[in-house]
PDB file of all heavy atoms in Angstrom:
ATOM      1  N   SER A   1      -2.039   5.843 -28.705  1.00  0.00           N
ATOM      2  CA  SER A   1      -1.060   6.715 -28.066  1.00  0.00           C
ATOM      3  C   SER A   1      -1.727   7.587 -26.999  1.00  0.00           C
ATOM      4  O   SER A   1      -1.196   7.761 -25.903  1.00  0.00           O
ATOM      5  CB  SER A   1      -0.386   7.588 -29.125  1.00  0.00           C
ATOM      6  OG  SER A   1       0.536   8.453 -28.536  1.00  0.00           O
ATOM      7  N   ALA A   2      -2.898   8.124 -27.319  1.00  0.00           N
ATOM      8  CA  ALA A   2      -3.638   8.958 -26.370  1.00  0.00           C
ATOM      9  C   ALA A   2      -4.053   8.146 -25.143  1.00  0.00           C
ATOM     10  O   ALA A   2      -4.004   8.645 -24.011  1.00  0.00           O
ATOM     11  CB  ALA A   2      -4.858   9.570 -27.048  1.00  0.00           C
ATOM     12  N   TYR A   3      -4.433   6.896 -25.354  1.00  0.00           N
ATOM     13  CA  TYR A   3      -4.808   6.031 -24.234  1.00  0.00           C
ATOM     14  C   TYR A   3      -3.629   5.813 -23.290  1.00  0.00           C
ATOM     15  O   TYR A   3      -3.744   5.956 -22.079  1.00  0.00           O
ATOM     16  CB  TYR A   3      -5.335   4.686 -24.744  1.00  0.00           C
ATOM     17  CG  TYR A   3      -5.613   3.721 -23.626  1.00  0.00           C
ATOM     18  CD1 TYR A   3      -6.744   3.871 -22.841  1.00  0.00           C
ATOM     19  CD2 TYR A   3      -4.727   2.699 -23.329  1.00  0.00           C
ATOM     20  CE1 TYR A   3      -6.989   3.012 -21.786  1.00  0.00           C
ATOM     21  CE2 TYR A   3      -4.968   1.829 -22.289  1.00  0.00           C
ATOM     22  CZ  TYR A   3      -6.109   1.989 -21.510  1.00  0.00           C
ATOM     23  OH  TYR A   3      -6.332   1.135 -20.455  1.00  0.00           O
ATOM     24  N   TRP A   4      -2.465   5.468 -23.869  1.00  0.00           N
ATOM     25  CA  TRP A   4      -1.297   5.191 -23.033  1.00  0.00           C
ATOM     26  C   TRP A   4      -0.714   6.450 -22.403  1.00  0.00           C
ATOM     27  O   TRP A   4      -0.004   6.371 -21.402  1.00  0.00           O
ATOM     28  CB  TRP A   4      -0.243   4.410 -23.825  1.00  0.00           C
ATOM     29  CG  TRP A   4      -0.686   2.998 -24.035  1.00  0.00           C
ATOM     30  CD1 TRP A   4      -1.134   2.435 -25.189  1.00  0.00           C
ATOM     31  CD2 TRP A   4      -0.784   1.987 -23.035  1.00  0.00           C
ATOM     32  NE1 TRP A   4      -1.508   1.129 -24.961  1.00  0.00           N
ATOM     33  CE2 TRP A   4      -1.304   0.829 -23.648  1.00  0.00           C
ATOM     34  CE3 TRP A   4      -0.506   1.942 -21.677  1.00  0.00           C
ATOM     35  CZ2 TRP A   4      -1.527  -0.353 -22.957  1.00  0.00           C
ATOM     36  CZ3 TRP A   4      -0.724   0.757 -20.987  1.00  0.00           C
ATOM     37  CH2 TRP A   4      -1.222  -0.372 -21.629  1.00  0.00           C
ATOM     38  N   LEU A   5      -1.030   7.605 -22.946  1.00  0.00           N
ATOM     39  CA  LEU A   5      -0.617   8.873 -22.339  1.00  0.00           C
ATOM     40  C   LEU A   5      -1.519   9.238 -21.165  1.00  0.00           C
ATOM     41  O   LEU A   5      -1.092   9.928 -20.249  1.00  0.00           O
ATOM     42  CB  LEU A   5      -0.658   9.995 -23.380  1.00  0.00           C
ATOM     43  CG  LEU A   5      -0.323  11.396 -22.885  1.00  0.00           C
ATOM     44  CD1 LEU A   5       1.138  11.467 -22.439  1.00  0.00           C
ATOM     45  CD2 LEU A   5      -0.605  12.422 -23.964  1.00  0.00           C
ATOM     46  N   SER A   6      -2.748   8.746 -21.172  1.00  0.00           N
ATOM     47  CA  SER A   6      -3.720   9.178 -20.160  1.00  0.00           C
ATOM     48  C   SER A   6      -4.123   8.028 -19.230  1.00  0.00           C
ATOM     49  O   SER A   6      -3.440   7.762 -18.242  1.00  0.00           O
ATOM     50  CB  SER A   6      -4.943   9.798 -20.846  1.00  0.00           C
ATOM     51  OG  SER A   6      -5.567   8.855 -21.714  1.00  0.00           O
ATOM     52  N   LEU A   7      -5.194   7.331 -19.551  1.00  0.00           N
ATOM     53  CA  LEU A   7      -5.726   6.307 -18.655  1.00  0.00           C
ATOM     54  C   LEU A   7      -4.811   5.099 -18.487  1.00  0.00           C
ATOM     55  O   LEU A   7      -4.805   4.471 -17.421  1.00  0.00           O
ATOM     56  CB  LEU A   7      -7.102   5.844 -19.152  1.00  0.00           C
ATOM     57  CG  LEU A   7      -8.188   6.916 -19.150  1.00  0.00           C
ATOM     58  CD1 LEU A   7      -9.493   6.321 -19.629  1.00  0.00           C
ATOM     59  CD2 LEU A   7      -8.342   7.556 -17.792  1.00  0.00           C
ATOM     60  N   GLY A   8      -4.045   4.761 -19.496  1.00  0.00           N
ATOM     61  CA  GLY A   8      -3.150   3.618 -19.413  1.00  0.00           C
ATOM     62  C   GLY A   8      -1.760   3.979 -18.908  1.00  0.00           C
ATOM     63  O   GLY A   8      -0.884   3.124 -18.852  1.00  0.00           O
ATOM     64  N   SER A   9      -1.563   5.221 -18.510  1.00  0.00           N
ATOM     65  CA  SER A   9      -0.242   5.682 -18.087  1.00  0.00           C
ATOM     66  C   SER A   9       0.018   5.373 -16.613  1.00  0.00           C
ATOM     67  O   SER A   9      -0.769   4.715 -15.945  1.00  0.00           O
ATOM     68  CB  SER A   9      -0.119   7.194 -18.308  1.00  0.00           C
ATOM     69  OG  SER A   9      -0.833   7.894 -17.294  1.00  0.00           O
ATOM     70  N   PHE A  10       1.079   5.925 -16.102  1.00  0.00           N
ATOM     71  CA  PHE A  10       1.451   5.745 -14.709  1.00  0.00           C
ATOM     72  C   PHE A  10       0.644   6.632 -13.774  1.00  0.00           C
ATOM     73  O   PHE A  10       0.734   6.501 -12.557  1.00  0.00           O
ATOM     74  CB  PHE A  10       2.943   6.066 -14.521  1.00  0.00           C
ATOM     75  CG  PHE A  10       3.292   7.471 -14.926  1.00  0.00           C
ATOM     76  CD1 PHE A  10       3.125   8.531 -14.060  1.00  0.00           C
ATOM     77  CD2 PHE A  10       3.771   7.730 -16.197  1.00  0.00           C
ATOM     78  CE1 PHE A  10       3.422   9.823 -14.444  1.00  0.00           C
ATOM     79  CE2 PHE A  10       4.081   9.014 -16.589  1.00  0.00           C
ATOM     80  CZ  PHE A  10       3.897  10.071 -15.704  1.00  0.00           C
ATOM     81  N   GLY A  11      -0.152   7.545 -14.315  1.00  0.00           N
ATOM     82  CA  GLY A  11      -0.882   8.502 -13.487  1.00  0.00           C
ATOM     83  C   GLY A  11      -1.812   7.853 -12.486  1.00  0.00           C
ATOM     84  O   GLY A  11      -1.787   8.165 -11.290  1.00  0.00           O
ATOM     85  N   VAL A  12      -2.648   6.944 -12.949  1.00  0.00           N
ATOM     86  CA  VAL A  12      -3.613   6.292 -12.061  1.00  0.00           C
ATOM     87  C   VAL A  12      -2.907   5.451 -10.993  1.00  0.00           C
ATOM     88  O   VAL A  12      -3.233   5.566  -9.804  1.00  0.00           O
ATOM     89  CB  VAL A  12      -4.640   5.472 -12.872  1.00  0.00           C
ATOM     90  CG1 VAL A  12      -5.572   4.700 -11.956  1.00  0.00           C
ATOM     91  CG2 VAL A  12      -5.441   6.391 -13.798  1.00  0.00           C
ATOM     92  N   PRO A  13      -1.916   4.612 -11.344  1.00  0.00           N
ATOM     93  CA  PRO A  13      -1.212   3.871 -10.290  1.00  0.00           C
ATOM     94  C   PRO A  13      -0.496   4.791  -9.296  1.00  0.00           C
ATOM     95  O   PRO A  13      -0.427   4.476  -8.105  1.00  0.00           O
ATOM     96  CB  PRO A  13      -0.212   2.995 -11.052  1.00  0.00           C
ATOM     97  CG  PRO A  13      -0.799   2.847 -12.405  1.00  0.00           C
ATOM     98  CD  PRO A  13      -1.512   4.138 -12.679  1.00  0.00           C
ATOM     99  N   LEU A  14       0.018   5.931  -9.760  1.00  0.00           N
ATOM    100  CA  LEU A  14       0.656   6.858  -8.820  1.00  0.00           C
ATOM    101  C   LEU A  14      -0.352   7.402  -7.816  1.00  0.00           C
ATOM    102  O   LEU A  14      -0.029   7.551  -6.633  1.00  0.00           O
ATOM    103  CB  LEU A  14       1.309   8.026  -9.562  1.00  0.00           C
ATOM    104  CG  LEU A  14       2.721   7.812 -10.045  1.00  0.00           C
ATOM    105  CD1 LEU A  14       3.250   9.062 -10.748  1.00  0.00           C
ATOM    106  CD2 LEU A  14       3.654   7.426  -8.921  1.00  0.00           C
ATOM    107  N   VAL A  15      -1.550   7.701  -8.273  1.00  0.00           N
ATOM    108  CA  VAL A  15      -2.593   8.157  -7.347  1.00  0.00           C
ATOM    109  C   VAL A  15      -2.844   7.070  -6.299  1.00  0.00           C
ATOM    110  O   VAL A  15      -2.935   7.360  -5.096  1.00  0.00           O
ATOM    111  CB  VAL A  15      -3.891   8.525  -8.101  1.00  0.00           C
ATOM    112  CG1 VAL A  15      -5.039   8.772  -7.128  1.00  0.00           C
ATOM    113  CG2 VAL A  15      -3.675   9.750  -8.988  1.00  0.00           C
ATOM    114  N   MET A  16      -2.911   5.813  -6.728  1.00  0.00           N
ATOM    115  CA  MET A  16      -3.137   4.710  -5.785  1.00  0.00           C
ATOM    116  C   MET A  16      -1.978   4.587  -4.791  1.00  0.00           C
ATOM    117  O   MET A  16      -2.201   4.376  -3.599  1.00  0.00           O
ATOM    118  CB  MET A  16      -3.350   3.393  -6.528  1.00  0.00           C
ATOM    119  CG  MET A  16      -4.664   3.351  -7.274  1.00  0.00           C
ATOM    120  SD  MET A  16      -5.109   1.748  -7.983  1.00  0.00           S
ATOM    121  CE  MET A  16      -3.608   1.146  -8.691  1.00  0.00           C
ATOM    122  N   VAL A  17      -0.757   4.717  -5.271  1.00  0.00           N
ATOM    123  CA  VAL A  17       0.407   4.639  -4.373  1.00  0.00           C
ATOM    124  C   VAL A  17       0.369   5.787  -3.371  1.00  0.00           C
ATOM    125  O   VAL A  17       0.568   5.592  -2.168  1.00  0.00           O
ATOM    126  CB  VAL A  17       1.736   4.655  -5.173  1.00  0.00           C
ATOM    127  CG1 VAL A  17       2.930   4.863  -4.264  1.00  0.00           C
ATOM    128  CG2 VAL A  17       1.890   3.366  -5.959  1.00  0.00           C
ATOM    129  N   GLY A  18       0.108   6.999  -3.861  1.00  0.00           N
ATOM    130  CA  GLY A  18       0.038   8.156  -2.969  1.00  0.00           C
ATOM    131  C   GLY A  18      -1.057   8.012  -1.924  1.00  0.00           C
ATOM    132  O   GLY A  18      -0.851   8.311  -0.744  1.00  0.00           O
ATOM    133  N   LEU A  19      -2.236   7.554  -2.349  1.00  0.00           N
ATOM    134  CA  LEU A  19      -3.329   7.359  -1.395  1.00  0.00           C
ATOM    135  C   LEU A  19      -3.002   6.254  -0.388  1.00  0.00           C
ATOM    136  O   LEU A  19      -3.374   6.349   0.789  1.00  0.00           O
ATOM    137  CB  LEU A  19      -4.631   7.034  -2.140  1.00  0.00           C
ATOM    138  CG  LEU A  19      -5.234   8.201  -2.927  1.00  0.00           C
ATOM    139  CD1 LEU A  19      -6.443   7.723  -3.735  1.00  0.00           C
ATOM    140  CD2 LEU A  19      -5.611   9.365  -2.018  1.00  0.00           C
ATOM    141  N   THR A  20      -2.277   5.235  -0.820  1.00  0.00           N
ATOM    142  CA  THR A  20      -1.854   4.174   0.098  1.00  0.00           C
ATOM    143  C   THR A  20      -0.874   4.715   1.131  1.00  0.00           C
ATOM    144  O   THR A  20      -0.972   4.400   2.328  1.00  0.00           O
ATOM    145  CB  THR A  20      -1.227   2.992  -0.682  1.00  0.00           C
ATOM    146  OG1 THR A  20      -2.195   2.492  -1.602  1.00  0.00           O
ATOM    147  CG2 THR A  20      -0.773   1.890   0.253  1.00  0.00           C
ATOM    148  N   VAL A  21       0.060   5.548   0.690  1.00  0.00           N
ATOM    149  CA  VAL A  21       1.007   6.178   1.614  1.00  0.00           C
ATOM    150  C   VAL A  21       0.253   7.018   2.646  1.00  0.00           C
ATOM    151  O   VAL A  21       0.533   6.959   3.853  1.00  0.00           O
ATOM    152  CB  VAL A  21       2.043   7.032   0.841  1.00  0.00           C
ATOM    153  CG1 VAL A  21       2.824   7.945   1.766  1.00  0.00           C
ATOM    154  CG2 VAL A  21       2.987   6.131   0.047  1.00  0.00           C
ATOM    155  N   LEU A  22      -0.725   7.800   2.185  1.00  0.00           N
ATOM    156  CA  LEU A  22      -1.522   8.616   3.107  1.00  0.00           C
ATOM    157  C   LEU A  22      -2.345   7.750   4.062  1.00  0.00           C
ATOM    158  O   LEU A  22      -2.451   8.055   5.259  1.00  0.00           O
ATOM    159  CB  LEU A  22      -2.437   9.553   2.316  1.00  0.00           C
ATOM    160  CG  LEU A  22      -1.731  10.656   1.542  1.00  0.00           C
ATOM    161  CD1 LEU A  22      -2.704  11.356   0.602  1.00  0.00           C
ATOM    162  CD2 LEU A  22      -1.076  11.651   2.483  1.00  0.00           C
ATOM    163  N   TRP A  23      -2.914   6.679   3.552  1.00  0.00           N
ATOM    164  CA  TRP A  23      -3.702   5.756   4.375  1.00  0.00           C
ATOM    165  C   TRP A  23      -2.829   5.149   5.474  1.00  0.00           C
ATOM    166  O   TRP A  23      -3.225   5.082   6.634  1.00  0.00           O
ATOM    167  CB  TRP A  23      -4.292   4.667   3.477  1.00  0.00           C
ATOM    168  CG  TRP A  23      -5.213   3.707   4.162  1.00  0.00           C
ATOM    169  CD1 TRP A  23      -6.551   3.849   4.346  1.00  0.00           C
ATOM    170  CD2 TRP A  23      -4.853   2.445   4.741  1.00  0.00           C
ATOM    171  NE1 TRP A  23      -7.048   2.745   4.999  1.00  0.00           N
ATOM    172  CE2 TRP A  23      -6.025   1.877   5.253  1.00  0.00           C
ATOM    173  CE3 TRP A  23      -3.653   1.750   4.868  1.00  0.00           C
ATOM    174  CZ2 TRP A  23      -6.045   0.641   5.888  1.00  0.00           C
ATOM    175  CZ3 TRP A  23      -3.667   0.517   5.504  1.00  0.00           C
ATOM    176  CH2 TRP A  23      -4.844  -0.021   6.004  1.00  0.00           C
ATOM    177  N   LEU A  24      -1.638   4.695   5.094  1.00  0.00           N
ATOM    178  CA  LEU A  24      -0.709   4.126   6.075  1.00  0.00           C
ATOM    179  C   LEU A  24      -0.324   5.170   7.123  1.00  0.00           C
ATOM    180  O   LEU A  24      -0.327   4.890   8.328  1.00  0.00           O
ATOM    181  CB  LEU A  24       0.544   3.594   5.375  1.00  0.00           C
ATOM    182  CG  LEU A  24       0.368   2.351   4.511  1.00  0.00           C
ATOM    183  CD1 LEU A  24       1.596   2.125   3.635  1.00  0.00           C
ATOM    184  CD2 LEU A  24       0.087   1.135   5.377  1.00  0.00           C
ATOM    185  N   ASP A  25      -0.003   6.372   6.653  1.00  0.00           N
ATOM    186  CA  ASP A  25       0.420   7.433   7.570  1.00  0.00           C
ATOM    187  C   ASP A  25      -0.679   7.769   8.578  1.00  0.00           C
ATOM    188  O   ASP A  25      -0.401   7.957   9.760  1.00  0.00           O
ATOM    189  CB  ASP A  25       0.820   8.672   6.764  1.00  0.00           C
ATOM    190  CG  ASP A  25       1.346   9.775   7.652  1.00  0.00           C
ATOM    191  OD1 ASP A  25       2.390   9.552   8.318  1.00  0.00           O
ATOM    192  OD2 ASP A  25       0.712  10.858   7.701  1.00  0.00           O
ATOM    193  N   ARG A  26      -1.924   7.846   8.114  1.00  0.00           N
ATOM    194  CA  ARG A  26      -3.046   8.155   9.015  1.00  0.00           C
ATOM    195  C   ARG A  26      -3.208   7.097  10.104  1.00  0.00           C
ATOM    196  O   ARG A  26      -3.761   7.380  11.162  1.00  0.00           O
ATOM    197  CB  ARG A  26      -4.351   8.285   8.232  1.00  0.00           C
ATOM    198  CG  ARG A  26      -4.602   9.705   7.777  1.00  0.00           C
ATOM    199  CD  ARG A  26      -5.978   9.864   7.154  1.00  0.00           C
ATOM    200  NE  ARG A  26      -5.773  10.108   5.727  1.00  0.00           N
ATOM    201  CZ  ARG A  26      -6.145   9.327   4.747  1.00  0.00           C
ATOM    202  NH1 ARG A  26      -6.810   8.238   4.975  1.00  0.00           N
ATOM    203  NH2 ARG A  26      -5.885   9.627   3.497  1.00  0.00           N
ATOM    204  N   ARG A  27      -2.764   5.905   9.847  1.00  0.00           N
ATOM    205  CA  ARG A  27      -2.882   4.826  10.819  1.00  0.00           C
ATOM    206  C   ARG A  27      -1.598   4.624  11.624  1.00  0.00           C
ATOM    207  O   ARG A  27      -1.463   3.669  12.379  1.00  0.00           O
ATOM    208  CB  ARG A  27      -3.280   3.532  10.107  1.00  0.00           C
ATOM    209  CG  ARG A  27      -4.743   3.565   9.720  1.00  0.00           C
ATOM    210  CD  ARG A  27      -5.075   2.697   8.559  1.00  0.00           C
ATOM    211  NE  ARG A  27      -6.487   2.791   8.223  1.00  0.00           N
ATOM    212  CZ  ARG A  27      -7.049   3.819   7.574  1.00  0.00           C
ATOM    213  NH1 ARG A  27      -6.310   4.848   7.208  1.00  0.00           N
ATOM    214  NH2 ARG A  27      -8.335   3.833   7.297  1.00  0.00           N
ATOM    215  N   GLY A  28      -0.637   5.513  11.430  1.00  0.00           N
ATOM    216  CA  GLY A  28       0.620   5.423  12.167  1.00  0.00           C
ATOM    217  C   GLY A  28       1.542   4.332  11.670  1.00  0.00           C
ATOM    218  O   GLY A  28       2.443   3.900  12.389  1.00  0.00           O
ATOM    219  N   ILE A  29       1.328   3.886  10.437  1.00  0.00           N
ATOM    220  CA  ILE A  29       2.152   2.827   9.855  1.00  0.00           C
ATOM    221  C   ILE A  29       3.138   3.479   8.891  1.00  0.00           C
ATOM    222  O   ILE A  29       2.737   4.234   7.999  1.00  0.00           O
ATOM    223  CB  ILE A  29       1.291   1.799   9.095  1.00  0.00           C
ATOM    224  CG1 ILE A  29       0.242   1.194  10.019  1.00  0.00           C
ATOM    225  CG2 ILE A  29       2.165   0.725   8.455  1.00  0.00           C
ATOM    226  CD1 ILE A  29      -0.836   0.392   9.292  1.00  0.00           C
ATOM    227  N   THR A  30       4.399   3.207   9.062  1.00  0.00           N
ATOM    228  CA  THR A  30       5.419   3.749   8.167  1.00  0.00           C
ATOM    229  C   THR A  30       5.415   2.957   6.866  1.00  0.00           C
ATOM    230  O   THR A  30       5.534   1.729   6.886  1.00  0.00           O
ATOM    231  CB  THR A  30       6.815   3.653   8.814  1.00  0.00           C
ATOM    232  OG1 THR A  30       6.780   4.323  10.070  1.00  0.00           O
ATOM    233  CG2 THR A  30       7.871   4.273   7.923  1.00  0.00           C
ATOM    234  N   PRO A  31       5.280   3.655   5.729  1.00  0.00           N
ATOM    235  CA  PRO A  31       5.318   2.945   4.447  1.00  0.00           C
ATOM    236  C   PRO A  31       6.664   2.243   4.260  1.00  0.00           C
ATOM    237  O   PRO A  31       7.700   2.760   4.688  1.00  0.00           O
ATOM    238  CB  PRO A  31       5.149   4.058   3.406  1.00  0.00           C
ATOM    239  CG  PRO A  31       4.524   5.186   4.145  1.00  0.00           C
ATOM    240  CD  PRO A  31       5.039   5.078   5.554  1.00  0.00           C
ATOM    241  N   PRO A  32       6.661   1.083   3.635  1.00  0.00           N
ATOM    242  CA  PRO A  32       7.931   0.376   3.431  1.00  0.00           C
ATOM    243  C   PRO A  32       8.865   1.196   2.539  1.00  0.00           C
ATOM    244  O   PRO A  32       8.419   1.857   1.598  1.00  0.00           O
ATOM    245  CB  PRO A  32       7.518  -0.934   2.758  1.00  0.00           C
ATOM    246  CG  PRO A  32       6.143  -0.714   2.247  1.00  0.00           C
ATOM    247  CD  PRO A  32       5.525   0.369   3.060  1.00  0.00           C
ATOM    248  N   SER A  33      10.142   1.140   2.849  1.00  0.00           N
ATOM    249  CA  SER A  33      11.117   1.959   2.121  1.00  0.00           C
ATOM    250  C   SER A  33      11.245   1.558   0.651  1.00  0.00           C
ATOM    251  O   SER A  33      11.680   2.364  -0.169  1.00  0.00           O
ATOM    252  CB  SER A  33      12.477   1.917   2.804  1.00  0.00           C
ATOM    253  OG  SER A  33      12.971   0.605   2.851  1.00  0.00           O
ATOM    254  N   PHE A  34      10.831   0.324   0.294  1.00  0.00           N
ATOM    255  CA  PHE A  34      10.942  -0.064  -1.112  1.00  0.00           C
ATOM    256  C   PHE A  34      10.079   0.826  -2.007  1.00  0.00           C
ATOM    257  O   PHE A  34      10.408   1.020  -3.178  1.00  0.00           O
ATOM    258  CB  PHE A  34      10.625  -1.550  -1.332  1.00  0.00           C
ATOM    259  CG  PHE A  34       9.194  -1.947  -1.121  1.00  0.00           C
ATOM    260  CD1 PHE A  34       8.236  -1.727  -2.118  1.00  0.00           C
ATOM    261  CD2 PHE A  34       8.805  -2.561   0.056  1.00  0.00           C
ATOM    262  CE1 PHE A  34       6.915  -2.105  -1.929  1.00  0.00           C
ATOM    263  CE2 PHE A  34       7.490  -2.949   0.257  1.00  0.00           C
ATOM    264  CZ  PHE A  34       6.542  -2.704  -0.738  1.00  0.00           C
ATOM    265  N   ILE A  35       8.998   1.387  -1.470  1.00  0.00           N
ATOM    266  CA  ILE A  35       8.181   2.309  -2.264  1.00  0.00           C
ATOM    267  C   ILE A  35       9.022   3.517  -2.655  1.00  0.00           C
ATOM    268  O   ILE A  35       9.040   3.927  -3.820  1.00  0.00           O
ATOM    269  CB  ILE A  35       6.919   2.739  -1.498  1.00  0.00           C
ATOM    270  CG1 ILE A  35       5.971   1.553  -1.312  1.00  0.00           C
ATOM    271  CG2 ILE A  35       6.207   3.882  -2.229  1.00  0.00           C
ATOM    272  CD1 ILE A  35       4.752   1.856  -0.452  1.00  0.00           C
ATOM    273  N   ALA A  36       9.736   4.077  -1.694  1.00  0.00           N
ATOM    274  CA  ALA A  36      10.576   5.245  -1.966  1.00  0.00           C
ATOM    275  C   ALA A  36      11.718   4.904  -2.912  1.00  0.00           C
ATOM    276  O   ALA A  36      12.026   5.677  -3.832  1.00  0.00           O
ATOM    277  CB  ALA A  36      11.128   5.808  -0.662  1.00  0.00           C
ATOM    278  N   TRP A  37      12.351   3.758  -2.702  1.00  0.00           N
ATOM    279  CA  TRP A  37      13.486   3.380  -3.556  1.00  0.00           C
ATOM    280  C   TRP A  37      13.049   3.133  -5.002  1.00  0.00           C
ATOM    281  O   TRP A  37      13.702   3.578  -5.944  1.00  0.00           O
ATOM    282  CB  TRP A  37      14.202   2.151  -3.001  1.00  0.00           C
ATOM    283  CG  TRP A  37      15.046   2.487  -1.814  1.00  0.00           C
ATOM    284  CD1 TRP A  37      14.823   2.127  -0.524  1.00  0.00           C
ATOM    285  CD2 TRP A  37      16.228   3.289  -1.805  1.00  0.00           C
ATOM    286  NE1 TRP A  37      15.788   2.647   0.293  1.00  0.00           N
ATOM    287  CE2 TRP A  37      16.675   3.363  -0.464  1.00  0.00           C
ATOM    288  CE3 TRP A  37      16.955   3.952  -2.779  1.00  0.00           C
ATOM    289  CZ2 TRP A  37      17.810   4.068  -0.091  1.00  0.00           C
ATOM    290  CZ3 TRP A  37      18.092   4.660  -2.409  1.00  0.00           C
ATOM    291  CH2 TRP A  37      18.504   4.709  -1.091  1.00  0.00           C
ATOM    292  N   ILE A  38      11.950   2.428  -5.180  1.00  0.00           N
ATOM    293  CA  ILE A  38      11.474   2.159  -6.539  1.00  0.00           C
ATOM    294  C   ILE A  38      11.012   3.447  -7.203  1.00  0.00           C
ATOM    295  O   ILE A  38      11.330   3.707  -8.368  1.00  0.00           O
ATOM    296  CB  ILE A  38      10.359   1.086  -6.526  1.00  0.00           C
ATOM    297  CG1 ILE A  38      10.949  -0.266  -6.118  1.00  0.00           C
ATOM    298  CG2 ILE A  38       9.670   0.996  -7.890  1.00  0.00           C
ATOM    299  CD1 ILE A  38       9.913  -1.335  -5.838  1.00  0.00           C
ATOM    300  N   LEU A  39      10.273   4.277  -6.472  1.00  0.00           N
ATOM    301  CA  LEU A  39       9.828   5.558  -7.012  1.00  0.00           C
ATOM    302  C   LEU A  39      11.028   6.431  -7.382  1.00  0.00           C
ATOM    303  O   LEU A  39      11.060   7.046  -8.450  1.00  0.00           O
ATOM    304  CB  LEU A  39       8.940   6.285  -6.000  1.00  0.00           C
ATOM    305  CG  LEU A  39       8.373   7.628  -6.422  1.00  0.00           C
ATOM    306  CD1 LEU A  39       7.445   7.482  -7.614  1.00  0.00           C
ATOM    307  CD2 LEU A  39       7.641   8.278  -5.249  1.00  0.00           C
ATOM    308  N   GLY A  40      12.034   6.462  -6.529  1.00  0.00           N
ATOM    309  CA  GLY A  40      13.241   7.248  -6.807  1.00  0.00           C
ATOM    310  C   GLY A  40      13.999   6.741  -8.021  1.00  0.00           C
ATOM    311  O   GLY A  40      14.409   7.525  -8.880  1.00  0.00           O
ATOM    312  N   LEU A  41      14.187   5.440  -8.118  1.00  0.00           N
ATOM    313  CA  LEU A  41      14.894   4.856  -9.260  1.00  0.00           C
ATOM    314  C   LEU A  41      14.142   5.121 -10.563  1.00  0.00           C
ATOM    315  O   LEU A  41      14.730   5.535 -11.561  1.00  0.00           O
ATOM    316  CB  LEU A  41      15.089   3.350  -9.068  1.00  0.00           C
ATOM    317  CG  LEU A  41      15.735   2.597 -10.231  1.00  0.00           C
ATOM    318  CD1 LEU A  41      17.154   3.099 -10.471  1.00  0.00           C
ATOM    319  CD2 LEU A  41      15.731   1.104  -9.948  1.00  0.00           C
ATOM    320  N   TRP A  42      12.851   4.902 -10.537  1.00  0.00           N
ATOM    321  CA  TRP A  42      12.019   5.136 -11.719  1.00  0.00           C
ATOM    322  C   TRP A  42      12.074   6.614 -12.131  1.00  0.00           C
ATOM    323  O   TRP A  42      12.153   6.933 -13.314  1.00  0.00           O
ATOM    324  CB  TRP A  42      10.596   4.692 -11.401  1.00  0.00           C
ATOM    325  CG  TRP A  42       9.597   4.924 -12.479  1.00  0.00           C
ATOM    326  CD1 TRP A  42       9.660   4.476 -13.776  1.00  0.00           C
ATOM    327  CD2 TRP A  42       8.392   5.652 -12.368  1.00  0.00           C
ATOM    328  NE1 TRP A  42       8.535   4.890 -14.459  1.00  0.00           N
ATOM    329  CE2 TRP A  42       7.745   5.611 -13.611  1.00  0.00           C
ATOM    330  CE3 TRP A  42       7.769   6.327 -11.320  1.00  0.00           C
ATOM    331  CZ2 TRP A  42       6.524   6.227 -13.840  1.00  0.00           C
ATOM    332  CZ3 TRP A  42       6.557   6.933 -11.543  1.00  0.00           C
ATOM    333  CH2 TRP A  42       5.959   6.885 -12.798  1.00  0.00           C
ATOM    334  N   THR A  43      12.074   7.501 -11.156  1.00  0.00           N
ATOM    335  CA  THR A  43      12.137   8.936 -11.426  1.00  0.00           C
ATOM    336  C   THR A  43      13.471   9.324 -12.043  1.00  0.00           C
ATOM    337  O   THR A  43      13.523  10.145 -12.971  1.00  0.00           O
ATOM    338  CB  THR A  43      11.890   9.723 -10.129  1.00  0.00           C
ATOM    339  OG1 THR A  43      10.611   9.357  -9.612  1.00  0.00           O
ATOM    340  CG2 THR A  43      11.914  11.211 -10.373  1.00  0.00           C
TER     341      THR A  43
END
């Protein structure tokens, strides 16, 4: 349970998604809207 609450949770993938969004933005690339839609639905 502790593993799935921490390292196995959504936290690490969210960091990767956020860093990808920032990486795209720094290069002038608009992130695809499916990221926002999936994140919104999941939220």
